[in-house]
Amino acid sequence: MTFPTFTSTQIDSRARGKELGTHRRKAIIANLAGYSDLFHVAGATTAQVRAWGKQALERSADWAPHLAEEIAGIAAGAGLEPWQVAVVNARTEILAAIDATGEGECSTSVVLPGNDLPPRTVQTWDWHDHLRDAPMLWELEPSPGHVVRTFTEAGALAKIGVNTAGLGIHFNILRHECDTAELGVPVHLIARRILDDATTVEEAADIARSATVSASTVITAVTSSDAASIEISPAGVAVIPPQPGGVLQHCNHFLDPDLAVGERHATDRPSTYARLQHLQANTEGLKSDDHTTRALAMLSHGPDDAPVCAHPDQTQPINQRWETVATIALDLPAGRLRVHQGGPCQVTEASWQTF
């Protein structure tokens, strides 16, 4: 099984958005409906979601007008209102505003082997199982000669990805006590601007610092010789460097000691600590130059072990059901993604999709 792909031909932001919205209309509408259901089950009203979507669009237009134009273009192509596509892009912020909780989420490992060898990266991307059809792979050219390839959700401007300038990013959600219902710049737009504009880890961190956010996340930026987990929160931005040996691993809790004081997942999702311990215990496999070996080194199931590979409990409501929807490795020298549909327990050498 593979994820759907789309290659944009337009350079202009609004035209690129309209092209994507036209071609992926059904998937974008379905993704919006899936998130509307999720928000409703988690306690939000339709009026609240609409207001948050409009607020997210305003914050986006202030921070990156061209990306707000792209959102408007997607809406025009898909037959939606711009605020509705903004809702999809601001789903992290809306979930923080609702104070939605639940066990699950992503695990990331990056190893810089040195000696001019390429980085070895892999992550699981966990999300609610009723949204398993939302992901897509999107190639775009935000400026002439600069190509971005991203694993994202239909209608969202970016998530995990690489650019042809030699930089890639992984993506994990965080929660902080300072997260607020006054929506800021969506973190998915921060990911997109990093892929569009950054060539170094330092530039990626500067882009993150320039945004006023209302929800927390960590974007792990990687180049051929550098990496850092950029923890983003309304309380501030912290840059976590690799450990000795070039090892950089992150799950869903803050590693910066100052930001960790306001940690929310400590009680809401305690498995994040067990998952990080699993990564640390399996670093040898995660150092491999083979992406299948790295994925298998992530393999661990709950409840007896760390639930790095998640499977939904169908007895739970949709906001409490989690599934490892994808396993993703970055191939920075080639500027491409290796993507497996599903968790590490299903990975084989033949199951990878190269994008």
Protein backbone atom coordinates (compact mmCIF):
# COMPACT_ATOMS: atom_id res chain seq x y z
CA MET A 1 0.00 0.00 0.00
CA THR A 2 1.16 3.53 -0.78
CA PHE A 3 0.13 7.07 0.05
CA PRO A 4 -1.27 9.27 -2.74
CA THR A 5 1.18 11.73 -4.26
CA PHE A 6 0.81 15.11 -5.92
CA THR A 7 3.36 17.30 -7.72
CA SER A 8 2.55 20.99 -8.01
CA THR A 9 3.34 22.81 -11.24
CA GLN A 10 2.57 26.33 -10.00
CA ILE A 11 5.08 28.72 -8.42
CA ASP A 12 2.58 31.42 -7.33
CA SER A 13 1.23 30.64 -3.87
CA ARG A 14 -2.48 31.10 -4.57
CA ALA A 15 -2.27 29.29 -7.91
CA ARG A 16 -0.36 26.41 -6.30
CA GLY A 17 -2.98 26.14 -3.59
CA LYS A 18 -5.86 26.18 -6.07
CA GLU A 19 -4.18 23.47 -8.14
CA LEU A 20 -3.76 21.24 -5.08
CA GLY A 21 -7.29 21.97 -3.85
CA THR A 22 -8.76 21.08 -7.22
CA HIS A 23 -6.88 17.80 -7.60
CA ARG A 24 -7.28 16.67 -3.97
CA ARG A 25 -10.75 18.10 -3.33
CA LYS A 26 -12.43 14.92 -2.04
CA ALA A 27 -9.55 14.10 0.31
CA ILE A 28 -9.41 17.65 1.71
CA ILE A 29 -13.16 17.72 2.34
CA ALA A 30 -12.97 14.28 3.97
CA ASN A 31 -10.06 15.38 6.16
CA LEU A 32 -11.97 18.48 7.28
CA ALA A 33 -14.98 16.30 8.13
CA GLY A 34 -12.76 13.91 10.10
CA TYR A 35 -11.30 16.75 12.13
CA SER A 36 -14.73 18.28 12.67
CA ASP A 37 -15.85 14.96 14.16
CA LEU A 38 -12.71 14.81 16.33
CA PHE A 39 -13.18 18.34 17.64
CA HIS A 40 -16.85 17.68 18.39
CA VAL A 41 -16.12 14.49 20.33
CA ALA A 42 -13.37 16.34 22.23
CA GLY A 43 -15.86 19.01 23.31
CA ALA A 44 -15.71 21.88 20.79
CA THR A 45 -18.76 23.52 19.23
CA THR A 46 -19.07 24.30 15.52
CA ALA A 47 -19.02 28.04 16.32
CA GLN A 48 -15.80 27.65 18.31
CA VAL A 49 -14.07 25.76 15.50
CA ARG A 50 -15.12 28.39 12.96
CA ALA A 51 -13.82 31.20 15.19
CA TRP A 52 -10.52 29.38 15.73
CA GLY A 53 -10.15 28.77 11.99
CA LYS A 54 -10.61 32.47 11.27
CA GLN A 55 -8.19 33.40 14.03
CA ALA A 56 -5.57 30.97 12.71
CA LEU A 57 -5.96 32.45 9.23
CA GLU A 58 -5.45 35.98 10.58
CA ARG A 59 -2.31 34.97 12.50
CA SER A 60 -1.00 33.16 9.42
CA ALA A 61 -1.59 36.20 7.20
CA ASP A 62 0.29 38.42 9.65
CA TRP A 63 3.28 36.06 9.86
CA ALA A 64 3.48 34.62 6.33
CA PRO A 65 1.04 36.32 3.92
CA HIS A 66 2.03 34.05 1.03
CA LEU A 67 1.10 30.94 3.02
CA ALA A 68 -2.28 32.46 3.91
CA GLU A 69 -2.71 33.03 0.18
CA GLU A 70 -1.91 29.38 -0.47
CA ILE A 71 -4.54 28.33 2.10
CA ALA A 72 -7.06 30.57 0.33
CA GLY A 73 -6.10 28.97 -2.98
CA ILE A 74 -6.60 25.45 -1.58
CA ALA A 75 -10.02 26.51 -0.33
CA ALA A 76 -10.98 27.93 -3.74
CA GLY A 77 -9.93 24.72 -5.48
CA ALA A 78 -11.70 22.47 -2.98
CA GLY A 79 -14.90 24.52 -2.84
CA LEU A 80 -14.38 25.48 0.82
CA GLU A 81 -14.04 28.69 2.80
CA PRO A 82 -10.46 29.75 3.67
CA TRP A 83 -11.18 29.40 7.40
CA GLN A 84 -12.09 25.74 6.84
CA VAL A 85 -8.69 24.93 5.32
CA ALA A 86 -7.11 26.98 8.12
CA VAL A 87 -8.84 24.62 10.57
CA VAL A 88 -7.01 21.66 9.02
CA ASN A 89 -3.69 23.52 9.27
CA ALA A 90 -4.43 24.59 12.85
CA ARG A 91 -5.63 21.21 14.13
CA THR A 92 -2.77 21.08 16.68
CA GLU A 93 -3.74 24.51 18.00
CA ILE A 94 -7.45 23.66 18.15
CA LEU A 95 -6.75 20.42 20.04
CA ALA A 96 -4.63 22.43 22.51
CA ALA A 97 -7.43 24.99 22.85
CA ILE A 98 -9.92 22.20 23.64
CA ASP A 99 -7.34 20.73 26.04
CA ALA A 100 -7.76 17.37 24.31
CA THR A 101 -5.74 14.55 25.85
CA GLY A 102 -4.96 10.95 25.02
CA GLU A 103 -2.30 8.30 24.91
CA GLY A 104 -0.29 7.97 21.72
CA GLU A 105 1.83 10.00 19.31
CA CYS A 106 5.18 9.98 17.56
CA SER A 107 8.76 8.85 18.22
CA THR A 108 11.79 10.23 16.35
CA SER A 109 15.43 9.15 16.09
CA VAL A 110 18.29 10.91 14.31
CA VAL A 111 21.91 9.77 14.28
CA LEU A 112 24.77 11.78 12.77
CA PRO A 113 27.47 9.16 12.11
CA GLY A 114 30.16 11.67 11.10
CA ASN A 115 32.96 11.00 8.62
CA ASP A 116 30.88 12.66 5.87
CA LEU A 117 28.30 9.87 6.11
CA PRO A 118 24.63 10.86 5.69
CA PRO A 119 22.32 11.16 8.71
CA ARG A 120 20.29 8.11 9.71
CA THR A 121 16.75 9.17 10.59
CA VAL A 122 13.41 7.49 11.24
CA GLN A 123 10.14 8.33 12.95
CA THR A 124 6.75 6.85 13.57
CA TRP A 125 3.77 9.10 12.90
CA ASP A 126 0.84 8.19 15.13
CA TRP A 127 -2.59 9.71 14.75
CA HIS A 128 -6.28 8.97 15.21
CA ASP A 129 -7.23 5.93 13.17
CA HIS A 130 -10.35 7.49 11.61
CA LEU A 131 -7.97 9.94 9.88
CA ARG A 132 -5.68 7.25 8.43
CA ASP A 133 -6.67 8.21 4.86
CA ALA A 134 -5.68 11.87 5.32
CA PRO A 135 -1.92 11.63 4.58
CA MET A 136 -0.44 12.42 1.19
CA LEU A 137 2.99 13.11 -0.29
CA TRP A 138 3.35 16.52 -1.89
CA GLU A 139 6.16 17.94 -4.05
CA LEU A 140 6.27 21.67 -4.64
CA GLU A 141 8.72 24.33 -5.77
CA PRO A 142 8.26 27.40 -3.52
CA SER A 143 11.01 29.24 -5.41
CA PRO A 144 12.74 28.38 -8.69
CA GLY A 145 15.16 25.48 -8.22
CA HIS A 146 14.20 24.88 -4.57
CA VAL A 147 12.09 21.73 -4.26
CA VAL A 148 10.21 20.65 -1.13
CA ARG A 149 8.86 17.13 -0.60
CA THR A 150 6.61 16.62 2.39
CA PHE A 151 4.53 13.94 4.06
CA THR A 152 1.48 15.89 5.14
CA GLU A 153 -2.30 15.69 5.46
CA ALA A 154 -4.72 16.68 2.71
CA GLY A 155 -5.07 20.45 2.95
CA ALA A 156 -2.17 20.99 5.39
CA LEU A 157 0.79 22.94 4.04
CA ALA A 158 3.52 20.64 5.42
CA LYS A 159 4.63 18.26 8.11
CA ILE A 160 7.62 15.90 7.85
CA GLY A 161 9.81 16.59 4.84
CA VAL A 162 13.00 17.45 3.01
CA ASN A 163 14.18 20.16 0.66
CA THR A 164 16.77 20.07 -2.09
CA ALA A 165 18.96 22.49 -0.13
CA GLY A 166 19.89 19.50 2.06
CA LEU A 167 17.65 20.08 5.08
CA GLY A 168 14.95 17.82 6.45
CA ILE A 169 12.55 17.86 9.39
CA HIS A 170 10.77 15.42 11.67
CA PHE A 171 7.68 16.43 13.66
CA ASN A 172 6.29 15.51 17.12
CA ILE A 173 3.50 17.12 19.13
CA LEU A 174 4.13 18.47 22.66
CA ARG A 175 1.87 19.92 25.35
CA HIS A 176 2.73 22.73 27.76
CA GLU A 177 0.75 24.40 30.53
CA CYS A 178 1.15 27.69 28.63
CA ASP A 179 -0.75 26.36 25.57
CA THR A 180 -3.73 28.65 25.06
CA ALA A 181 -7.08 28.95 23.29
CA GLU A 182 -5.99 32.30 21.79
CA LEU A 183 -4.74 30.80 18.54
CA GLY A 184 -1.33 31.72 17.22
CA VAL A 185 0.62 30.76 14.10
CA PRO A 186 -0.08 27.09 13.27
CA VAL A 187 2.96 24.91 13.84
CA HIS A 188 2.35 23.20 10.49
CA LEU A 189 3.02 26.54 8.82
CA ILE A 190 6.28 26.84 10.75
CA ALA A 191 7.27 23.46 9.35
CA ARG A 192 6.43 24.66 5.85
CA ARG A 193 8.45 27.89 6.16
CA ILE A 194 11.42 25.92 7.41
CA LEU A 195 11.23 23.62 4.40
CA ASP A 196 10.73 26.59 2.07
CA ASP A 197 13.43 28.89 3.45
CA ALA A 198 15.96 27.12 5.69
CA THR A 199 19.23 25.59 4.60
CA THR A 200 20.77 25.21 8.09
CA VAL A 201 19.56 24.13 11.51
CA GLU A 202 20.24 27.64 12.82
CA GLU A 203 18.00 29.16 10.13
CA ALA A 204 15.26 26.67 11.03
CA ALA A 205 15.46 27.71 14.68
CA ASP A 206 15.32 31.41 13.73
CA ILE A 207 12.14 30.80 11.72
CA ALA A 208 10.58 29.03 14.71
CA ARG A 209 11.52 31.91 17.02
CA SER A 210 9.88 34.44 14.69
CA ALA A 211 6.38 32.97 15.17
CA THR A 212 3.99 33.65 18.06
CA VAL A 213 2.40 30.28 18.83
CA SER A 214 -0.45 29.02 21.00
CA ALA A 215 0.39 25.29 20.93
CA SER A 216 3.56 23.28 21.44
CA THR A 217 5.47 20.98 19.12
CA VAL A 218 9.02 19.89 18.37
CA ILE A 219 10.52 20.12 14.90
CA THR A 220 13.76 18.17 14.57
CA ALA A 221 15.84 19.76 11.82
CA VAL A 222 18.61 17.76 10.16
CA THR A 223 21.35 18.51 7.64
CA SER A 224 24.30 16.43 6.48
CA SER A 225 26.41 17.62 9.41
CA ASP A 226 24.04 19.08 12.00
CA ALA A 227 20.79 18.38 13.81
CA ALA A 228 18.69 19.83 16.62
CA SER A 229 15.27 19.32 18.12
CA ILE A 230 13.60 22.73 18.10
CA GLU A 231 11.07 22.71 20.95
CA ILE A 232 8.38 25.32 20.26
CA SER A 233 5.95 26.55 22.92
CA PRO A 234 4.12 29.72 23.97
CA ALA A 235 6.64 29.67 26.85
CA GLY A 236 9.57 29.94 24.43
CA VAL A 237 11.75 28.09 21.94
CA ALA A 238 14.59 25.78 22.97
CA VAL A 239 17.17 24.07 20.77
CA ILE A 240 18.25 20.59 21.86
CA PRO A 241 21.58 19.45 20.33
CA PRO A 242 22.57 15.82 19.72
CA GLN A 243 24.05 13.73 22.52
CA PRO A 244 27.64 12.43 22.27
CA GLY A 245 27.93 10.16 19.28
CA GLY A 246 25.56 12.33 17.24
CA VAL A 247 22.41 10.75 18.71
CA LEU A 248 19.25 12.89 18.87
CA GLN A 249 15.99 11.26 19.92
CA HIS A 250 12.64 12.79 20.81
CA CYS A 251 9.13 11.68 21.73
CA ASN A 252 6.31 13.79 23.20
CA HIS A 253 7.78 15.50 26.24
CA PHE A 254 10.08 18.50 26.60
CA LEU A 255 13.79 17.83 26.99
CA ASP A 256 14.78 21.44 27.71
CA PRO A 257 14.88 21.71 31.53
CA ASP A 258 13.20 25.13 31.64
CA LEU A 259 10.33 24.21 29.32
CA ALA A 260 9.96 20.82 31.03
CA VAL A 261 8.75 22.63 34.16
CA GLY A 262 5.47 23.25 32.32
CA GLU A 263 5.26 19.74 30.83
CA ARG A 264 1.70 18.42 30.32
CA HIS A 265 2.34 14.96 28.85
CA ALA A 266 3.99 13.89 32.09
CA THR A 267 0.55 12.96 33.39
CA ASP A 268 -1.55 12.86 30.20
CA ARG A 269 0.68 10.57 28.12
CA PRO A 270 3.28 8.92 30.35
CA SER A 271 4.24 6.42 27.65
CA THR A 272 6.33 9.14 26.03
CA TYR A 273 9.06 8.45 28.61
CA ALA A 274 8.98 4.69 28.02
CA ARG A 275 9.15 5.25 24.26
CA LEU A 276 12.23 7.47 24.60
CA GLN A 277 13.88 4.85 26.81
CA HIS A 278 13.15 2.25 24.13
CA LEU A 279 14.84 4.40 21.49
CA GLN A 280 17.84 4.92 23.75
CA ALA A 281 18.10 1.18 24.40
CA ASN A 282 17.99 0.43 20.66
CA THR A 283 20.35 3.13 19.42
CA GLU A 284 22.68 0.58 17.82
CA GLY A 285 19.99 -0.49 15.37
CA LEU A 286 18.96 3.11 14.83
CA LYS A 287 22.52 3.90 13.70
CA SER A 288 22.17 1.55 10.73
CA ASP A 289 22.52 2.91 7.21
CA ASP A 290 19.55 0.72 6.22
CA HIS A 291 16.13 2.30 6.74
CA THR A 292 14.44 -1.09 7.24
CA THR A 293 16.84 -1.94 10.06
CA ARG A 294 16.17 1.44 11.66
CA ALA A 295 12.41 0.97 11.45
CA LEU A 296 12.61 -2.48 13.01
CA ALA A 297 14.74 -1.05 15.83
CA MET A 298 11.73 1.17 16.66
CA LEU A 299 9.44 -1.84 17.04
CA SER A 300 7.80 -2.13 20.44
CA HIS A 301 4.18 -2.73 21.44
CA GLY A 302 2.23 -1.83 24.56
CA PRO A 303 0.97 -2.50 27.11
CA ASP A 304 3.87 -4.70 28.22
CA ASP A 305 6.48 -2.65 26.36
CA ALA A 306 6.75 0.95 25.17
CA PRO A 307 3.99 1.56 22.58
CA VAL A 308 6.22 2.94 19.83
CA CYS A 309 4.11 0.96 17.35
CA ALA A 310 0.50 1.87 18.15
CA HIS A 311 -2.69 -0.04 17.34
CA PRO A 312 -6.14 1.43 18.07
CA ASP A 313 -8.46 0.14 20.76
CA GLN A 314 -11.78 0.02 18.91
CA THR A 315 -13.72 0.11 22.17
CA GLN A 316 -12.62 3.73 22.69
CA PRO A 317 -14.13 6.91 21.18
CA ILE A 318 -12.33 8.36 18.16
CA ASN A 319 -10.40 10.92 20.22
CA GLN A 320 -8.83 8.08 22.26
CA ARG A 321 -7.91 5.74 19.38
CA TRP A 322 -4.31 5.90 18.14
CA GLU A 323 -2.60 4.16 15.26
CA THR A 324 0.90 4.29 13.79
CA VAL A 325 -0.20 5.53 10.38
CA ALA A 326 3.28 5.85 8.87
CA THR A 327 6.95 5.11 9.42
CA ILE A 328 9.21 7.66 7.71
CA ALA A 329 12.94 8.02 7.04
CA LEU A 330 14.68 11.00 5.46
CA ASP A 331 17.20 10.53 2.65
CA LEU A 332 18.89 13.93 2.72
CA PRO A 333 21.57 13.39 0.04
CA ALA A 334 18.87 12.47 -2.47
CA GLY A 335 16.32 15.00 -1.18
CA ARG A 336 13.67 12.34 -0.80
CA LEU A 337 11.49 10.52 1.72
CA ARG A 338 11.19 6.81 2.43
CA VAL A 339 7.65 6.17 3.64
CA HIS A 340 5.98 2.99 4.87
CA GLN A 341 2.20 2.93 5.33
CA GLY A 342 1.71 1.55 8.83
CA GLY A 343 3.88 0.83 11.85
CA PRO A 344 7.29 -0.80 12.23
CA CYS A 345 5.70 -4.21 12.85
CA GLN A 346 4.65 -4.29 9.18
CA VAL A 347 7.88 -3.00 7.62
CA THR A 348 9.68 -5.10 5.02
CA GLU A 349 12.33 -4.13 2.50
CA ALA A 350 9.62 -4.12 -0.18
CA SER A 351 7.07 -2.05 1.76
CA TRP A 352 8.79 1.33 1.38
CA GLN A 353 7.49 4.05 -0.90
CA THR A 354 10.25 6.32 -2.25
CA PHE A 355 9.22 9.93 -2.77
